[in-house]
C-alpha atoms as a PDB file:
ATOM      1  CA  MET A   1      -0.002   0.000   0.000  1.00  0.00           C
ATOM      2  CA  GLY A   2       1.019   3.579  -0.379  1.00  0.00           C
ATOM      3  CA  ILE A   3       1.084   6.559   1.940  1.00  0.00           C
ATOM      4  CA  PHE A   4      -2.133   7.699   3.516  1.00  0.00           C
ATOM      5  CA  GLY A   5      -2.743  11.401   3.049  1.00  0.00           C
ATOM      6  CA  TRP A   6      -5.576  13.825   3.248  1.00  0.00           C
ATOM      7  CA  LYS A   7      -6.553  17.050   1.515  1.00  0.00           C
ATOM      8  CA  ARG A   8      -9.098  19.804   1.809  1.00  0.00           C
ATOM      9  CA  ARG A   9     -10.697  21.582  -1.090  1.00  0.00           C
ATOM     10  CA  THR A  10      -9.676  25.115  -1.924  1.00  0.00           C
ATOM     11  CA  ARG A  11     -11.187  27.608  -4.330  1.00  0.00           C
ATOM     12  CA  GLN A  12      -8.289  26.980  -6.681  1.00  0.00           C
ATOM     13  CA  ASP A  13      -8.870  23.255  -6.857  1.00  0.00           C
ATOM     14  CA  GLU A  14     -10.162  22.039 -10.209  1.00  0.00           C
ATOM     15  CA  HIS A  15     -12.923  19.535  -9.741  1.00  0.00           C
ATOM     16  CA  VAL A  16     -15.738  17.704 -11.424  1.00  0.00           C
ATOM     17  CA  GLU A  17     -19.090  17.100  -9.735  1.00  0.00           C
ATOM     18  CA  SER A  18     -21.462  14.388 -10.933  1.00  0.00           C
ATOM     19  CA  ARG A  19     -24.897  13.870  -9.443  1.00  0.00           C
ATOM     20  CA  VAL A  20     -26.344  10.433  -8.800  1.00  0.00           C
ATOM     21  CA  GLY A  21     -29.947  11.240  -8.064  1.00  0.00           C
ATOM     22  CA  ALA A  22     -30.446  12.541  -4.554  1.00  0.00           C
ATOM     23  CA  GLY A  23     -26.858  11.686  -3.655  1.00  0.00           C
ATOM     24  CA  GLN A  24     -23.842  13.569  -4.944  1.00  0.00           C
ATOM     25  CA  ALA A  25     -20.361  12.151  -5.549  1.00  0.00           C
ATOM     26  CA  ASP A  26     -17.493  14.652  -5.782  1.00  0.00           C
ATOM     27  CA  ALA A  27     -13.846  14.220  -6.670  1.00  0.00           C
ATOM     28  CA  GLU A  28     -10.715  16.251  -7.331  1.00  0.00           C
ATOM     29  CA  TYR A  29      -8.561  15.471 -10.327  1.00  0.00           C
ATOM     30  CA  ASP A  30      -5.246  16.260 -11.954  1.00  0.00           C
ATOM     31  CA  GLN A  31      -4.824  16.960 -15.662  1.00  0.00           C
ATOM     32  CA  TYR A  32      -5.422  14.251 -18.220  1.00  0.00           C
ATOM     33  CA  ASP A  33      -5.960  13.785 -21.934  1.00  0.00           C
ATOM     34  CA  GLU A  34      -7.749  11.498 -24.385  1.00  0.00           C
ATOM     35  CA  TYR A  35      -8.027   7.767 -23.839  1.00  0.00           C
ATOM     36  CA  ASP A  36      -7.570   4.914 -26.248  1.00  0.00           C
ATOM     37  CA  GLU A  37     -10.810   3.140 -27.026  1.00  0.00           C
ATOM     38  CA  TYR A  38     -11.257  -0.158 -25.242  1.00  0.00           C
ATOM     39  CA  ASP A  39     -11.174  -3.185 -27.513  1.00  0.00           C
ATOM     40  CA  ASP A  40     -13.963  -5.406 -26.272  1.00  0.00           C
ATOM     41  CA  SER A  41     -12.660  -8.286 -28.359  1.00  0.00           C
ATOM     42  CA  VAL A  42      -9.614  -8.612 -26.126  1.00  0.00           C
ATOM     43  CA  ASP A  43      -9.855 -11.655 -23.892  1.00  0.00           C
ATOM     44  CA  GLU A  44      -9.597 -10.249 -20.358  1.00  0.00           C
ATOM     45  CA  PRO A  45     -10.775 -11.761 -17.090  1.00  0.00           C
ATOM     46  CA  ARG A  46     -14.355 -10.782 -16.285  1.00  0.00           C
ATOM     47  CA  THR A  47     -14.753 -11.641 -12.644  1.00  0.00           C
ATOM     48  CA  GLY A  48     -15.370  -8.842 -10.136  1.00  0.00           C
ATOM     49  CA  PRO A  49     -16.328  -6.486  -8.715  1.00  0.00           C
ATOM     50  CA  TYR A  50     -17.750  -8.777  -6.077  1.00  0.00           C
ATOM     51  CA  ASP A  51     -20.668  -8.661  -3.729  1.00  0.00           C
ATOM     52  CA  ILE A  52     -19.478  -9.540  -0.218  1.00  0.00           C
ATOM     53  CA  ALA A  53     -21.514 -12.761  -0.427  1.00  0.00           C
ATOM     54  CA  ASP A  54     -19.436 -13.919  -3.397  1.00  0.00           C
ATOM     55  CA  ALA A  55     -16.078 -12.382  -2.513  1.00  0.00           C
ATOM     56  CA  PRO A  56     -13.073 -14.645  -3.112  1.00  0.00           C
ATOM     57  CA  ASP A  57     -10.646 -15.621  -0.374  1.00  0.00           C
ATOM     58  CA  ASP A  58      -7.707 -14.633  -2.552  1.00  0.00           C
ATOM     59  CA  GLY A  59      -5.519 -13.014   0.093  1.00  0.00           C
ATOM     60  CA  ARG A  60      -5.247  -9.787  -1.876  1.00  0.00           C
ATOM     61  CA  PRO A  61      -4.781  -6.742   0.367  1.00  0.00           C
ATOM     62  CA  ARG A  62      -7.755  -4.399   0.221  1.00  0.00           C
ATOM     63  CA  MET A  63      -8.489  -1.163   2.065  1.00  0.00           C
ATOM     64  CA  ASP A  64     -11.676  -1.607   4.083  1.00  0.00           C
ATOM     65  CA  LEU A  65     -13.837   1.488   3.697  1.00  0.00           C
ATOM     66  CA  GLY A  66     -16.986  -0.055   5.105  1.00  0.00           C
ATOM     67  CA  SER A  67     -19.204  -0.198   2.036  1.00  0.00           C
ATOM     68  CA  VAL A  68     -16.311  -1.004  -0.321  1.00  0.00           C
ATOM     69  CA  ARG A  69     -13.056  -2.888   0.024  1.00  0.00           C
ATOM     70  CA  VAL A  70     -10.667  -1.478  -2.528  1.00  0.00           C
ATOM     71  CA  PRO A  71      -7.330  -2.946  -3.665  1.00  0.00           C
ATOM     72  CA  VAL A  72      -4.388  -0.547  -3.408  1.00  0.00           C
ATOM     73  CA  PRO A  73      -1.671  -1.380  -5.982  1.00  0.00           C
ATOM     74  CA  ASP A  74       1.956  -1.397  -4.934  1.00  0.00           C
ATOM     75  CA  GLY A  75       3.531   2.030  -5.255  1.00  0.00           C
ATOM     76  CA  SER A  76       0.238   3.892  -5.079  1.00  0.00           C
ATOM     77  CA  GLN A  77      -0.954   6.347  -2.455  1.00  0.00           C
ATOM     78  CA  VAL A  78      -4.268   6.832  -0.708  1.00  0.00           C
ATOM     79  CA  GLN A  79      -5.727  10.312  -0.330  1.00  0.00           C
ATOM     80  CA  VAL A  80      -8.722  11.068   1.841  1.00  0.00           C
ATOM     81  CA  GLU A  81     -10.828  14.041   0.804  1.00  0.00           C
ATOM     82  CA  MET A  82     -12.442  15.848   3.703  1.00  0.00           C
ATOM     83  CA  ASP A  83     -15.370  18.229   3.759  1.00  0.00           C
ATOM     84  CA  ARG A  84     -14.104  21.537   5.148  1.00  0.00           C
ATOM     85  CA  GLN A  85     -17.368  22.446   6.838  1.00  0.00           C
ATOM     86  CA  SER A  86     -18.545  19.153   8.305  1.00  0.00           C
ATOM     87  CA  GLY A  87     -15.192  17.449   8.706  1.00  0.00           C
ATOM     88  CA  ASN A  88     -16.671  14.287   7.200  1.00  0.00           C
ATOM     89  CA  VAL A  89     -15.042  12.114   4.570  1.00  0.00           C
ATOM     90  CA  ARG A  90     -16.146  13.085   1.053  1.00  0.00           C
ATOM     91  CA  ALA A  91     -14.198  10.469  -0.891  1.00  0.00           C
ATOM     92  CA  VAL A  92     -11.140   8.224  -0.816  1.00  0.00           C
ATOM     93  CA  HIS A  93      -8.811   8.263  -3.843  1.00  0.00           C
ATOM     94  CA  VAL A  94      -6.177   5.761  -4.917  1.00  0.00           C
ATOM     95  CA  VAL A  95      -3.391   7.668  -6.673  1.00  0.00           C
ATOM     96  CA  THR A  96      -1.499   5.437  -9.074  1.00  0.00           C
ATOM     97  CA  ALA A  97       1.238   6.137 -11.596  1.00  0.00           C
ATOM     98  CA  GLN A  98      -1.456   6.121 -14.288  1.00  0.00           C
ATOM     99  CA  GLY A  99      -3.859   8.499 -12.555  1.00  0.00           C
ATOM    100  CA  GLN A 100      -6.175   9.036  -9.626  1.00  0.00           C
ATOM    101  CA  VAL A 101      -8.876   6.439  -9.121  1.00  0.00           C
ATOM    102  CA  THR A 102     -12.083   6.997  -7.160  1.00  0.00           C
ATOM    103  CA  VAL A 103     -14.526   4.145  -6.511  1.00  0.00           C
ATOM    104  CA  SER A 104     -18.013   4.813  -5.094  1.00  0.00           C
ATOM    105  CA  ALA A 105     -20.950   2.528  -4.356  1.00  0.00           C
ATOM    106  CA  TYR A 106     -24.649   3.385  -4.355  1.00  0.00           C
ATOM    107  CA  ALA A 107     -27.905   1.704  -3.406  1.00  0.00           C
ATOM    108  CA  ALA A 108     -29.664   0.331  -6.488  1.00  0.00           C
ATOM    109  CA  PRO A 109     -32.908  -1.486  -7.330  1.00  0.00           C
ATOM    110  CA  ARG A 110     -33.033  -5.275  -7.389  1.00  0.00           C
ATOM    111  CA  SER A 111     -33.833  -5.095 -11.086  1.00  0.00           C
ATOM    112  CA  GLY A 112     -30.448  -3.500 -11.857  1.00  0.00           C
ATOM    113  CA  GLY A 113     -29.838  -1.202 -14.806  1.00  0.00           C
ATOM    114  CA  LEU A 114     -28.997   1.872 -12.719  1.00  0.00           C
ATOM    115  CA  TRP A 115     -25.624   2.523 -14.383  1.00  0.00           C
ATOM    116  CA  ARG A 116     -27.105   3.002 -17.840  1.00  0.00           C
ATOM    117  CA  GLU A 117     -29.612   5.466 -16.427  1.00  0.00           C
ATOM    118  CA  VAL A 118     -27.006   7.339 -14.387  1.00  0.00           C
ATOM    119  CA  SER A 119     -24.416   7.349 -17.171  1.00  0.00           C
ATOM    120  CA  GLY A 120     -26.855   9.089 -19.498  1.00  0.00           C
ATOM    121  CA  GLU A 121     -27.483  11.795 -16.914  1.00  0.00           C
ATOM    122  CA  LEU A 122     -23.766  12.086 -16.225  1.00  0.00           C
ATOM    123  CA  ALA A 123     -22.951  12.496 -19.930  1.00  0.00           C
ATOM    124  CA  GLU A 124     -25.613  15.194 -20.262  1.00  0.00           C
ATOM    125  CA  GLN A 125     -24.268  17.050 -17.206  1.00  0.00           C
ATOM    126  CA  LEU A 126     -20.695  16.868 -18.486  1.00  0.00           C
ATOM    127  CA  ARG A 127     -21.697  18.182 -21.906  1.00  0.00           C
ATOM    128  CA  SER A 128     -23.567  21.066 -20.271  1.00  0.00           C
ATOM    129  CA  ASP A 129     -20.315  21.899 -18.499  1.00  0.00           C
ATOM    130  CA  GLY A 130     -18.565  22.117 -21.859  1.00  0.00           C
ATOM    131  CA  ALA A 131     -16.947  18.685 -21.869  1.00  0.00           C
ATOM    132  CA  LYS A 132     -16.343  16.580 -24.938  1.00  0.00           C
ATOM    133  CA  VAL A 133     -17.973  13.238 -24.108  1.00  0.00           C
ATOM    134  CA  THR A 134     -17.591   9.939 -25.931  1.00  0.00           C
ATOM    135  CA  THR A 135     -18.805   6.453 -25.127  1.00  0.00           C
ATOM    136  CA  ALA A 136     -17.273   3.031 -25.657  1.00  0.00           C
ATOM    137  CA  ARG A 137     -18.090  -0.575 -24.863  1.00  0.00           C
ATOM    138  CA  GLY A 138     -15.915  -1.894 -22.050  1.00  0.00           C
ATOM    139  CA  GLU A 139     -15.591  -4.831 -19.719  1.00  0.00           C
ATOM    140  CA  TRP A 140     -18.921  -4.204 -17.974  1.00  0.00           C
ATOM    141  CA  GLY A 141     -20.692  -2.446 -20.796  1.00  0.00           C
ATOM    142  CA  LEU A 142     -20.918   1.303 -21.303  1.00  0.00           C
ATOM    143  CA  GLU A 143     -17.892   3.481 -20.445  1.00  0.00           C
ATOM    144  CA  LEU A 144     -17.705   7.279 -20.639  1.00  0.00           C
ATOM    145  CA  SER A 145     -14.738   9.457 -21.569  1.00  0.00           C
ATOM    146  CA  ALA A 146     -14.904  13.189 -20.977  1.00  0.00           C
ATOM    147  CA  ILE A 147     -12.416  15.920 -21.801  1.00  0.00           C
ATOM    148  CA  ILE A 148     -12.727  19.243 -19.972  1.00  0.00           C
ATOM    149  CA  GLY A 149     -10.014  21.660 -20.958  1.00  0.00           C
ATOM    150  CA  GLU A 150      -6.738  19.906 -20.170  1.00  0.00           C
ATOM    151  CA  MET A 151      -8.417  17.361 -17.951  1.00  0.00           C
ATOM    152  CA  ALA A 152      -9.955  14.076 -19.054  1.00  0.00           C
ATOM    153  CA  LEU A 153     -11.917  11.425 -17.207  1.00  0.00           C
ATOM    154  CA  ARG A 154     -12.877   7.802 -17.787  1.00  0.00           C
ATOM    155  CA  PHE A 155     -15.968   6.442 -16.017  1.00  0.00           C
ATOM    156  CA  VAL A 156     -17.036   2.818 -15.652  1.00  0.00           C
ATOM    157  CA  GLY A 157     -20.073   1.444 -13.865  1.00  0.00           C
ATOM    158  CA  VAL A 158     -21.163  -1.993 -12.693  1.00  0.00           C
ATOM    159  CA  ASP A 159     -24.639  -3.075 -11.582  1.00  0.00           C
ATOM    160  CA  GLY A 160     -24.636  -5.567  -8.711  1.00  0.00           C
ATOM    161  CA  PRO A 161     -27.260  -7.045  -6.352  1.00  0.00           C
ATOM    162  CA  ARG A 162     -28.975  -3.942  -4.922  1.00  0.00           C
ATOM    163  CA  TRP A 163     -25.858  -1.830  -5.528  1.00  0.00           C
ATOM    164  CA  MET A 164     -24.119   0.046  -8.305  1.00  0.00           C
ATOM    165  CA  LEU A 165     -20.378   0.623  -8.323  1.00  0.00           C
ATOM    166  CA  ARG A 166     -18.891   3.574 -10.183  1.00  0.00           C
ATOM    167  CA  GLY A 167     -15.192   4.088 -10.864  1.00  0.00           C
ATOM    168  CA  VAL A 168     -13.432   7.091 -12.388  1.00  0.00           C
ATOM    169  CA  ILE A 169      -9.795   7.815 -13.191  1.00  0.00           C
ATOM    170  CA  ALA A 170      -7.979  11.019 -14.132  1.00  0.00           C
ATOM    171  CA  GLY A 171      -4.300  11.775 -14.645  1.00  0.00           C
ATOM    172  CA  PRO A 172      -1.578  13.107 -16.971  1.00  0.00           C
ATOM    173  CA  GLN A 173      -1.638  12.865 -20.727  1.00  0.00           C
ATOM    174  CA  SER A 174       1.525  10.759 -20.725  1.00  0.00           C
ATOM    175  CA  GLN A 175      -0.367   7.925 -19.008  1.00  0.00           C
ATOM    176  CA  ALA A 176      -3.571   8.184 -21.024  1.00  0.00           C
ATOM    177  CA  ALA A 177      -3.136   4.844 -22.792  1.00  0.00           C
ATOM    178  CA  GLN A 178      -2.682   2.895 -19.555  1.00  0.00           C
ATOM    179  CA  ALA A 179      -5.130   4.739 -17.317  1.00  0.00           C
ATOM    180  CA  PRO A 180      -8.295   2.813 -18.251  1.00  0.00           C
ATOM    181  CA  ILE A 181      -6.459  -0.453 -17.629  1.00  0.00           C
ATOM    182  CA  ALA A 182      -5.464   0.711 -14.148  1.00  0.00           C
ATOM    183  CA  LEU A 183      -9.044   1.746 -13.434  1.00  0.00           C
ATOM    184  CA  ARG A 184     -10.496  -1.586 -14.519  1.00  0.00           C
ATOM    185  CA  ASP A 185      -7.911  -3.513 -12.492  1.00  0.00           C
ATOM    186  CA  ILE A 186      -9.004  -1.750  -9.298  1.00  0.00           C
ATOM    187  CA  VAL A 187     -12.733  -1.938 -10.034  1.00  0.00           C
ATOM    188  CA  ARG A 188     -12.458  -5.626 -10.984  1.00  0.00           C
ATOM    189  CA  ASP A 189     -11.061  -6.580  -7.569  1.00  0.00           C
ATOM    190  CA  THR A 190     -13.253  -4.311  -5.454  1.00  0.00           C
ATOM    191  CA  ILE A 191     -15.690  -5.877  -2.973  1.00  0.00           C
ATOM    192  CA  VAL A 192     -19.019  -4.166  -2.222  1.00  0.00           C
ATOM    193  CA  VAL A 193     -20.682  -4.485   1.188  1.00  0.00           C
ATOM    194  CA  ARG A 194     -24.257  -3.327   0.594  1.00  0.00           C
ATOM    195  CA  GLY A 195     -25.695  -4.295   3.969  1.00  0.00           C
ATOM    196  CA  ASP A 196     -29.324  -5.234   4.657  1.00  0.00           C
ATOM    197  CA  ALA A 197     -30.673  -1.824   5.662  1.00  0.00           C
ATOM    198  CA  PRO A 198     -33.278  -0.361   3.285  1.00  0.00           C
ATOM    199  CA  MET A 199     -31.939   2.674   1.442  1.00  0.00           C
ATOM    200  CA  PRO A 200     -33.417   4.902  -1.267  1.00  0.00           C
ATOM    201  CA  VAL A 201     -32.094   4.110  -4.724  1.00  0.00           C
ATOM    202  CA  ARG A 202     -29.004   6.184  -5.626  1.00  0.00           C
ATOM    203  CA  THR A 203     -28.060   6.819  -2.005  1.00  0.00           C
ATOM    204  CA  PRO A 204     -24.261   6.696  -1.623  1.00  0.00           C
ATOM    205  CA  LEU A 205     -23.206   3.792   0.575  1.00  0.00           C
ATOM    206  CA  PRO A 206     -21.397   5.152   3.648  1.00  0.00           C
ATOM    207  CA  ILE A 207     -17.608   5.358   3.799  1.00  0.00           C
ATOM    208  CA  THR A 208     -15.789   4.542   7.016  1.00  0.00           C
ATOM    209  CA  LEU A 209     -12.031   4.850   7.393  1.00  0.00           C
ATOM    210  CA  PRO A 210      -9.760   2.187   8.879  1.00  0.00           C
ATOM    211  CA  GLU A 211      -8.759   3.127  12.408  1.00  0.00           C
ATOM    212  CA  SER A 212      -5.105   3.636  11.468  1.00  0.00           C
ATOM    213  CA  VAL A 213      -6.056   6.010   8.646  1.00  0.00           C
ATOM    214  CA  ALA A 214      -8.475   7.977  10.810  1.00  0.00           C
ATOM    215  CA  GLU A 215      -5.795   8.372  13.487  1.00  0.00           C
ATOM    216  CA  HIS A 216      -3.241   9.515  10.899  1.00  0.00           C
ATOM    217  CA  ILE A 217      -5.628  12.155   9.553  1.00  0.00           C
ATOM    218  CA  ALA A 218      -6.522  13.353  13.044  1.00  0.00           C
ATOM    219  CA  GLN A 219      -2.817  13.835  13.795  1.00  0.00           C
ATOM    220  CA  GLN A 220      -2.284  15.809  10.589  1.00  0.00           C
ATOM    221  CA  GLN A 221      -5.293  17.979  11.331  1.00  0.00           C
ATOM    222  CA  ALA A 222      -4.029  18.658  14.844  1.00  0.00           C
ATOM    223  CA  ARG A 223      -0.614  19.711  13.559  1.00  0.00           C
ATOM    224  CA  GLN A 224      -2.153  22.033  10.976  1.00  0.00           C
ATOM    225  CA  ALA A 225      -4.495  23.545  13.547  1.00  0.00           C
END
């Protein structure tokens, strides 16, 4: 695993906001450029992401964030994004050599199909913000690419049993060809813990930090205060 860090938003931070119904998922990104189209004919493993009920006992290290357990590749870093006003966790990012990856899980209907609905809304919102948006067929179906100025994003989504998992990556132009691969590798090995509590569709599943990470952030906040 990498180094745990944390950051607060500033007015100078460039960011992209995408709404998922009543819930809202936010992330901060570095600069990026266009992506290569995914060749769906390539024979790649199509296993995860996993529901906790079907999760493999593969021994792979994963960061337990409560609703999701996310693999952290060697050499990467983990950044925790805090809300300046509430002090709550907004998102957890895995920063790899290929770009910054953010994975979020949401409550979904038993019938599935939420990602296609949400991706259409997301594409419309991105275009209204001036982004150039393209779609491609990927490992789990529809993928979105968006270019906003010097920044570009790749979104993937997976419908699971009563949950939807969304992943996004952004990073430098020099890593554009490898970035979607890095994103899919993390999403593919992510485990979702939906829980049994009833939740409105599109509600973000709660994020909880590992104790060691929470303590590290608290120490950093105390020093900065």
